[in-house]
Protein backbone atom coordinates (compact mmCIF):
# COMPACT_ATOMS: atom_id res chain seq x y z
CA MET A 1 -13.80 8.82 3.31
CA LEU A 2 -16.12 11.58 2.10
CA LYS A 3 -13.43 13.23 -0.05
CA GLN A 4 -12.37 9.83 -1.35
CA HIS A 5 -15.95 9.07 -2.38
CA LEU A 6 -16.33 12.52 -3.91
CA ILE A 7 -13.19 12.09 -6.01
CA LYS A 8 -14.53 8.81 -7.38
CA ILE A 9 -17.87 10.46 -8.25
CA ILE A 10 -16.10 13.33 -10.02
CA ASP A 11 -13.93 10.83 -11.88
CA SER A 12 -16.91 8.73 -12.98
CA ILE A 13 -18.84 11.79 -14.23
CA THR A 14 -16.11 13.96 -15.74
CA GLY A 15 -13.10 11.70 -16.23
CA LYS A 16 -14.12 9.97 -19.45
CA PRO A 17 -15.44 13.10 -21.22
CA ALA A 18 -12.32 15.03 -20.19
CA CYS A 19 -10.13 12.37 -21.79
CA TYR A 20 -11.81 13.13 -25.11
CA ILE A 21 -12.18 16.91 -24.70
CA LEU A 22 -8.53 17.58 -23.90
CA PRO A 23 -6.19 17.39 -26.89
CA SER A 24 -3.74 14.52 -26.95
CA PRO A 25 -0.21 15.62 -26.10
CA PRO A 26 2.48 15.99 -28.75
CA THR A 27 5.05 13.25 -29.20
CA ALA A 28 7.09 12.74 -26.08
CA ILE A 29 10.42 14.45 -25.72
CA ASN A 30 12.32 12.00 -23.57
CA SER A 31 14.43 13.55 -20.86
CA HIS A 32 17.44 11.51 -19.76
CA SER A 33 18.16 13.76 -16.79
CA PRO A 34 14.93 15.60 -15.90
CA ALA A 35 15.19 18.55 -13.53
CA SER A 36 11.85 17.63 -11.94
CA ILE A 37 9.45 14.69 -11.84
CA LEU A 38 5.88 14.77 -10.56
CA ILE A 39 4.59 11.37 -9.42
CA ILE A 40 0.81 11.13 -9.08
CA ARG A 41 -0.31 8.52 -6.53
CA PRO A 42 -3.95 8.74 -5.44
CA GLY A 43 -5.50 5.77 -3.67
CA GLY A 44 -4.68 3.74 -0.61
CA ILE A 45 -1.69 3.16 1.63
CA GLY A 46 -0.67 -0.14 0.05
CA ASP A 47 -0.17 1.26 -3.45
CA ALA A 48 1.88 4.11 -2.02
CA LEU A 49 4.19 1.79 -0.07
CA LEU A 50 4.70 -0.55 -3.02
CA LEU A 51 5.75 2.46 -5.08
CA ALA A 52 8.78 2.96 -2.80
CA PRO A 53 11.23 0.69 -4.69
CA ALA A 54 10.53 2.54 -7.96
CA ILE A 55 11.00 5.92 -6.24
CA ARG A 56 14.28 4.75 -4.72
CA GLU A 57 15.52 3.65 -8.13
CA ILE A 58 14.60 7.03 -9.66
CA ARG A 59 16.55 8.76 -6.89
CA ARG A 60 19.52 6.43 -7.36
CA GLN A 61 19.75 7.06 -11.09
CA TYR A 62 18.74 10.74 -11.00
CA PRO A 63 20.17 12.04 -7.70
CA ASP A 64 19.70 15.72 -8.63
CA THR A 65 16.11 15.46 -9.88
CA PHE A 66 13.47 17.19 -7.72
CA LEU A 67 10.81 14.58 -6.87
CA THR A 68 7.27 15.65 -5.97
CA ILE A 69 4.42 13.35 -4.95
CA LEU A 70 0.77 14.26 -5.49
CA ALA A 71 -1.10 12.02 -3.01
CA GLU A 72 -4.37 11.90 -1.08
CA LYS A 73 -4.92 12.49 2.62
CA ARG A 74 -5.52 8.78 3.19
CA ASN A 75 -2.14 7.69 1.79
CA ALA A 76 0.01 10.78 2.40
CA GLY A 77 1.41 9.33 5.64
CA ALA A 78 2.96 6.46 3.69
CA PHE A 79 5.45 8.84 2.11
CA SER A 80 6.91 9.65 5.53
CA LEU A 81 8.56 6.24 5.12
CA ILE A 82 10.05 7.16 1.73
CA PRO A 83 12.69 9.85 2.40
CA GLU A 84 13.71 10.07 -1.27
CA ILE A 85 10.73 12.40 -1.85
CA ASP A 86 11.49 16.14 -1.88
CA GLN A 87 7.93 17.50 -1.72
CA LEU A 88 4.39 16.24 -1.13
CA TRP A 89 1.18 17.83 -2.33
CA ARG A 90 -2.41 16.72 -1.80
CA TYR A 91 -4.48 15.38 -4.70
CA ASP A 92 -7.69 15.98 -2.73
CA SER A 93 -6.86 19.64 -2.06
CA MET A 94 -7.87 21.88 -4.95
CA ALA A 95 -5.22 24.46 -4.05
CA GLN A 96 -2.42 21.89 -3.86
CA MET A 97 -3.56 20.05 -6.97
CA TRP A 98 -3.51 23.36 -8.84
CA ALA A 99 -0.05 24.09 -7.46
CA ALA A 100 1.13 20.75 -8.85
CA ILE A 101 -0.37 21.53 -12.25
CA ARG A 102 1.31 24.95 -12.31
CA SER A 103 4.69 23.59 -11.18
CA LYS A 104 5.59 22.74 -14.80
CA PRO A 105 7.38 19.43 -14.14
CA CYS A 106 9.63 18.04 -16.84
CA VAL A 107 8.11 14.56 -16.46
CA VAL A 108 4.87 13.29 -14.95
CA ILE A 109 4.50 9.66 -13.89
CA ASP A 110 0.83 8.85 -13.32
CA THR A 111 0.82 5.65 -11.24
CA GLU A 112 -3.00 5.38 -11.05
CA GLN A 113 -4.11 2.09 -12.57
CA TRP A 114 -7.64 2.83 -13.79
CA HIS A 115 -9.33 6.10 -12.86
CA ARG A 116 -9.01 8.90 -15.38
CA LEU A 117 -8.84 12.08 -13.31
CA SER A 118 -5.13 11.64 -12.57
CA ALA A 119 -4.38 11.43 -16.30
CA VAL A 120 -6.33 14.66 -16.78
CA VAL A 121 -4.22 16.33 -14.09
CA ALA A 122 -1.06 15.00 -15.74
CA ARG A 123 -2.10 16.39 -19.12
CA LEU A 124 -2.91 19.81 -17.64
CA THR A 125 0.65 20.19 -16.35
CA GLY A 126 1.89 20.57 -19.92
CA ALA A 127 4.84 18.26 -19.24
CA ARG A 128 6.56 17.00 -22.39
CA GLN A 129 6.68 13.43 -21.11
CA LEU A 130 3.54 11.91 -19.56
CA ILE A 131 3.94 8.30 -18.44
CA GLY A 132 1.08 6.08 -17.31
CA PHE A 133 -0.92 2.89 -17.64
CA ALA A 134 -2.92 2.50 -20.87
CA THR A 135 -5.93 0.81 -19.28
CA ASN A 136 -8.77 2.85 -20.82
CA GLU A 137 -9.46 6.27 -22.39
CA ARG A 138 -6.77 7.75 -20.14
CA LYS A 139 -4.19 6.67 -22.74
CA ARG A 140 -5.29 9.58 -24.99
CA LEU A 141 -3.66 11.99 -22.52
CA LEU A 142 -0.32 10.21 -22.15
CA THR A 143 2.83 10.18 -24.26
CA ASN A 144 4.30 6.94 -22.93
CA LEU A 145 1.74 4.12 -22.71
CA ILE A 146 2.57 1.28 -20.35
CA PRO A 147 0.61 -2.02 -20.36
CA TYR A 148 -0.92 -3.20 -17.11
CA SER A 149 -1.54 -6.79 -16.00
CA HIS A 150 -3.37 -8.16 -12.98
CA ASN A 151 -0.89 -11.04 -12.94
CA ASP A 152 2.12 -8.81 -12.18
CA TYR A 153 3.21 -8.09 -8.61
CA GLU A 154 2.37 -4.42 -8.15
CA ILE A 155 5.97 -3.45 -7.41
CA ASN A 156 6.86 -4.82 -10.85
CA SER A 157 3.97 -2.92 -12.44
CA PHE A 158 5.36 0.32 -11.05
CA PHE A 159 8.84 -0.53 -12.31
CA LYS A 160 7.37 -0.92 -15.81
CA LEU A 161 6.49 2.77 -15.72
CA LEU A 162 10.19 3.58 -15.39
CA THR A 163 11.11 1.91 -18.68
CA ALA A 164 9.99 5.14 -20.36
CA LEU A 165 12.89 6.81 -18.52
CA GLU A 166 15.25 3.97 -19.48
CA ILE A 167 15.42 2.88 -15.84
CA GLN A 168 15.59 -0.87 -15.32
CA PRO A 169 14.57 -2.57 -12.06
CA PRO A 170 17.34 -3.91 -9.84
CA ALA A 171 18.26 -7.54 -10.41
CA HIS A 172 17.25 -8.38 -6.84
CA LEU A 173 14.84 -6.37 -4.69
CA THR A 174 16.05 -6.77 -1.12
CA PRO A 175 14.07 -5.22 1.75
CA PRO A 176 13.93 -3.05 3.64
CA PHE A 177 12.86 -0.45 1.11
CA LEU A 178 11.03 1.68 3.68
CA THR A 179 12.69 3.90 6.29
CA VAL A 180 11.13 4.51 9.71
CA PRO A 181 11.77 8.04 11.09
CA THR A 182 13.67 8.19 14.39
CA PRO A 183 10.87 9.96 16.34
CA ALA A 184 8.48 7.17 15.40
CA GLN A 185 10.99 4.57 16.61
CA GLN A 186 11.30 6.38 19.92
CA GLU A 187 7.51 6.47 20.41
CA ALA A 188 7.26 2.76 19.57
CA ALA A 189 9.88 1.98 22.22
CA ARG A 190 7.84 3.94 24.77
CA LEU A 191 4.58 2.18 23.90
CA LEU A 192 6.12 -1.28 24.03
CA MET A 193 8.11 -0.74 27.23
CA PRO A 194 5.49 -2.45 29.48
CA LEU A 195 5.94 -5.71 27.57
CA GLY A 196 9.58 -6.12 28.44
CA SER A 197 11.89 -8.18 26.27
CA LYS A 198 9.62 -11.01 25.11
CA PRO A 199 9.32 -11.38 21.30
CA LEU A 200 6.36 -9.69 19.67
CA VAL A 201 3.79 -10.70 17.07
CA THR A 202 1.72 -7.92 15.55
CA ILE A 203 -1.87 -8.42 14.39
CA PHE A 204 -3.67 -6.05 12.07
CA PRO A 205 -7.39 -6.99 12.10
CA GLY A 206 -8.54 -4.24 9.77
CA ALA A 207 -9.17 -3.92 6.06
CA SER A 208 -10.29 -1.23 3.67
CA ILE A 209 -13.46 -3.22 2.89
CA ALA A 210 -15.48 -5.74 4.94
CA PRO A 211 -15.00 -8.75 2.59
CA ARG A 212 -11.27 -8.74 3.41
CA ARG A 213 -11.80 -8.96 7.17
CA TRP A 214 -11.16 -12.19 9.07
CA GLU A 215 -13.35 -12.77 12.13
CA THR A 216 -12.24 -10.91 15.25
CA GLU A 217 -12.90 -13.95 17.45
CA LYS A 218 -10.48 -15.98 15.31
CA PHE A 219 -7.80 -13.34 15.85
CA HIS A 220 -8.44 -13.62 19.61
CA GLN A 221 -8.05 -17.42 19.51
CA LEU A 222 -4.83 -16.93 17.57
CA ALA A 223 -3.55 -14.52 20.23
CA VAL A 224 -4.18 -17.18 22.90
CA ILE A 225 -2.12 -19.72 20.95
CA LEU A 226 0.72 -17.24 20.41
CA ASN A 227 0.76 -16.43 24.13
CA THR A 228 1.09 -20.10 25.03
CA ARG A 229 4.16 -20.25 22.75
CA GLY A 230 5.79 -17.33 24.57
CA PHE A 231 4.95 -14.41 22.27
CA HIS A 232 3.35 -11.14 23.28
CA VAL A 233 0.69 -9.86 20.88
CA ILE A 234 0.27 -6.27 19.65
CA VAL A 235 -2.82 -5.06 17.79
CA ILE A 236 -2.33 -2.05 15.52
CA GLY A 237 -4.78 -0.19 13.33
CA ASN A 238 -6.73 3.02 13.02
CA LYS A 239 -9.70 4.22 15.06
CA ASP A 240 -12.01 1.80 13.20
CA ASP A 241 -10.00 -1.11 14.63
CA ILE A 242 -10.15 -0.09 18.32
CA SER A 243 -13.17 -2.26 19.10
CA ALA A 244 -11.66 -5.30 17.36
CA GLY A 245 -8.43 -4.73 19.27
CA ARG A 246 -10.29 -4.79 22.60
CA LYS A 247 -11.88 -8.12 21.70
CA ILE A 248 -8.54 -9.60 20.66
CA ILE A 249 -6.46 -8.33 23.60
CA THR A 250 -8.66 -9.31 26.52
CA LYS A 251 -7.55 -9.46 30.16
CA GLU A 252 -6.06 -12.94 29.85
CA ILE A 253 -3.90 -12.00 26.85
CA ASN A 254 -0.32 -10.82 27.29
CA GLY A 255 -0.21 -7.95 24.87
CA ILE A 256 -1.33 -4.42 24.05
CA ASN A 257 -4.08 -2.98 21.88
CA ILE A 258 -2.70 0.25 20.41
CA ALA A 259 -5.19 0.54 17.55
CA GLY A 260 -6.10 4.18 17.02
CA ARG A 261 -3.14 5.42 19.08
CA THR A 262 -0.36 5.60 16.49
CA THR A 263 0.48 7.37 13.29
CA LEU A 264 1.32 5.31 10.23
CA ALA A 265 5.03 5.86 10.85
CA GLN A 266 4.66 4.76 14.48
CA SER A 267 2.81 1.63 13.35
CA ALA A 268 5.76 0.95 11.04
CA ALA A 269 8.09 1.33 14.02
CA ILE A 270 6.01 -1.23 15.97
CA LEU A 271 6.22 -3.62 13.03
CA GLU A 272 9.95 -3.07 12.78
CA ARG A 273 10.34 -4.44 16.33
CA SER A 274 8.09 -7.47 15.66
CA GLU A 275 8.96 -11.03 14.69
CA LEU A 276 5.86 -11.40 12.53
CA LEU A 277 2.76 -9.67 11.17
CA ILE A 278 -0.56 -11.48 10.75
CA SER A 279 -2.94 -9.54 8.54
CA GLY A 280 -5.43 -9.65 5.74
CA ASP A 281 -4.81 -8.11 2.33
CA SER A 282 -3.98 -4.58 3.48
CA GLY A 283 -1.62 -1.64 3.33
CA ILE A 284 -0.11 -2.77 6.64
CA LEU A 285 0.79 -6.07 4.99
CA HIS A 286 2.75 -4.17 2.32
CA MET A 287 4.40 -2.18 5.08
CA ALA A 288 5.71 -5.41 6.62
CA ALA A 289 7.07 -6.48 3.23
CA GLY A 290 8.78 -3.11 2.84
CA LEU A 291 10.37 -3.36 6.28
CA GLY A 292 11.59 -6.93 5.79
CA VAL A 293 9.26 -8.28 8.50
CA ALA A 294 7.88 -11.81 8.08
CA SER A 295 4.14 -12.14 7.52
CA VAL A 296 1.20 -14.50 7.34
CA SER A 297 -1.42 -12.98 5.06
CA LEU A 298 -5.05 -14.00 4.60
CA PHE A 299 -6.36 -13.54 1.06
CA GLY A 300 -9.92 -13.77 -0.19
CA PRO A 301 -11.35 -11.40 -2.81
CA GLY A 302 -7.99 -9.79 -3.60
CA ILE A 303 -5.61 -11.04 -6.29
CA ALA A 304 -2.72 -12.69 -4.47
CA ALA A 305 -0.57 -12.76 -7.62
CA LYS A 306 -0.67 -8.97 -7.66
CA TRP A 307 -0.73 -8.05 -3.98
CA ALA A 308 0.77 -10.84 -1.84
CA PRO A 309 4.34 -10.31 -0.53
CA ARG A 310 7.14 -12.34 -2.12
CA GLY A 311 9.79 -14.43 -0.41
CA GLN A 312 10.25 -17.39 1.92
CA GLN A 313 9.49 -15.32 5.02
CA HIS A 314 5.95 -14.62 3.78
CA ILE A 315 3.20 -17.26 3.88
CA VAL A 316 0.01 -16.54 1.95
CA ILE A 317 -3.15 -18.40 2.95
CA ASN A 318 -5.63 -18.44 0.10
CA LYS A 319 -8.48 -20.96 -0.22
CA ASN A 320 -8.63 -20.38 -3.99
CA PHE A 321 -12.39 -20.75 -4.32
CA PRO A 322 -13.70 -20.64 -7.91
CA CYS A 323 -15.53 -17.38 -7.14
CA SER A 324 -12.39 -15.58 -6.01
CA PRO A 325 -10.48 -13.38 -6.53
CA TYR A 326 -13.06 -10.87 -7.66
CA THR A 327 -11.55 -7.46 -6.82
CA LYS A 328 -10.14 -5.55 -9.79
CA PHE A 329 -8.97 -1.95 -10.02
CA GLY A 330 -10.07 -1.37 -6.43
CA TYR A 331 -13.70 -2.44 -7.05
CA THR A 332 -15.17 -5.38 -5.13
CA PRO A 333 -18.69 -6.41 -6.20
CA ARG A 334 -21.14 -7.86 -3.70
CA CYS A 335 -20.24 -11.48 -2.93
CA PRO A 336 -23.13 -13.96 -3.40
CA ASN A 337 -21.27 -16.59 -1.36
CA HIS A 338 -20.89 -14.63 1.89
CA THR A 339 -17.09 -14.25 1.45
CA VAL A 340 -16.42 -17.93 2.15
CA CYS A 341 -12.97 -17.33 0.63
CA ILE A 342 -11.85 -15.45 3.74
CA GLN A 343 -14.21 -16.83 6.39
CA GLN A 344 -13.25 -20.47 5.84
CA ILE A 345 -9.61 -19.81 6.72
CA SER A 346 -9.20 -21.57 10.08
CA VAL A 347 -7.34 -20.55 13.21
CA ALA A 348 -5.41 -23.82 13.07
CA GLU A 349 -3.93 -23.19 9.61
CA VAL A 350 -3.01 -19.59 10.46
CA SER A 351 -1.35 -20.63 13.72
CA ARG A 352 0.59 -23.41 11.94
CA ALA A 353 1.84 -20.91 9.36
CA ALA A 354 2.81 -18.40 12.05
CA LEU A 355 4.73 -20.96 14.09
CA ARG A 356 6.60 -22.09 10.97
CA LEU A 357 7.97 -18.57 10.61
CA LEU A 358 8.51 -17.71 14.27
CA PRO A 359 11.69 -18.57 16.14
CA ALA A 360 11.46 -21.44 18.60
CA LEU A 361 11.50 -20.24 22.23
């Protein structure tokens, strides 16, 4: 979190001036079969996972192109589920960022939506084709300017970046578009062995920010209902979710709290074996979408049109209060209404949605 915060401070202080100090690049020289592409993806896990379909399409159309990702520590694990990548470097490591700049890629695709530092890095590579979103001063450093809309599903936004390479999205996007490594699948099987063969529902109680969190007690009540219907409940998450997991999976609940005990790939393997995920607006929710796992998602401050999974196997619960959504470009201002948009979602409506999607036992 410290490095993440530091990057944002550096961006806010130096990003805008750098966009004006650096010379704009010459006119793009479009490469129809680039030898190498550098894809810059700072930010969270969700953005990284939703980038997977675009990466897969690049690999399909350019099978011999060397693909490098420049990511952060917090989202680097997501790319273990995207085997089409040849190399991963760290955006929050000065040495690795410099290595990416010096790698002289033929094309740079900057997938960052707002912050400017990634566009500066792209420009410093000297690539002849620099593709990115034209959301602010960052457009001075790019050769191919792509419009960005908060009303577009983020997967579609990323596909828009590929139009500069004359790559069109597939007519139908059919999951799974993520691949779980075999070792992670084996560890998931070991962790779930005590539960036997009963069907599983996975709960992710966490969120990157507090306004997206549903009450832990409500998740516990939901687990009780799911148990009575014959489903075992698994809680996944990072170390910050361990306490919530203990409150959800109490002694009377048939299930396991494995929050803080798995890697991101192992969490994906748990999800892969589940009938359903119940989660707030989170990277884990996008993981379920990428694995083809059904979900019930709880939306409040986030923009459901941009971030909610698509398809009949996904139910989005959104109270649609006039004050929400209010998160844009990753920034969520202080809510004067005590996040009623998420807190007024009831256990009853979540359980009804879950049971609509779950198989009858």
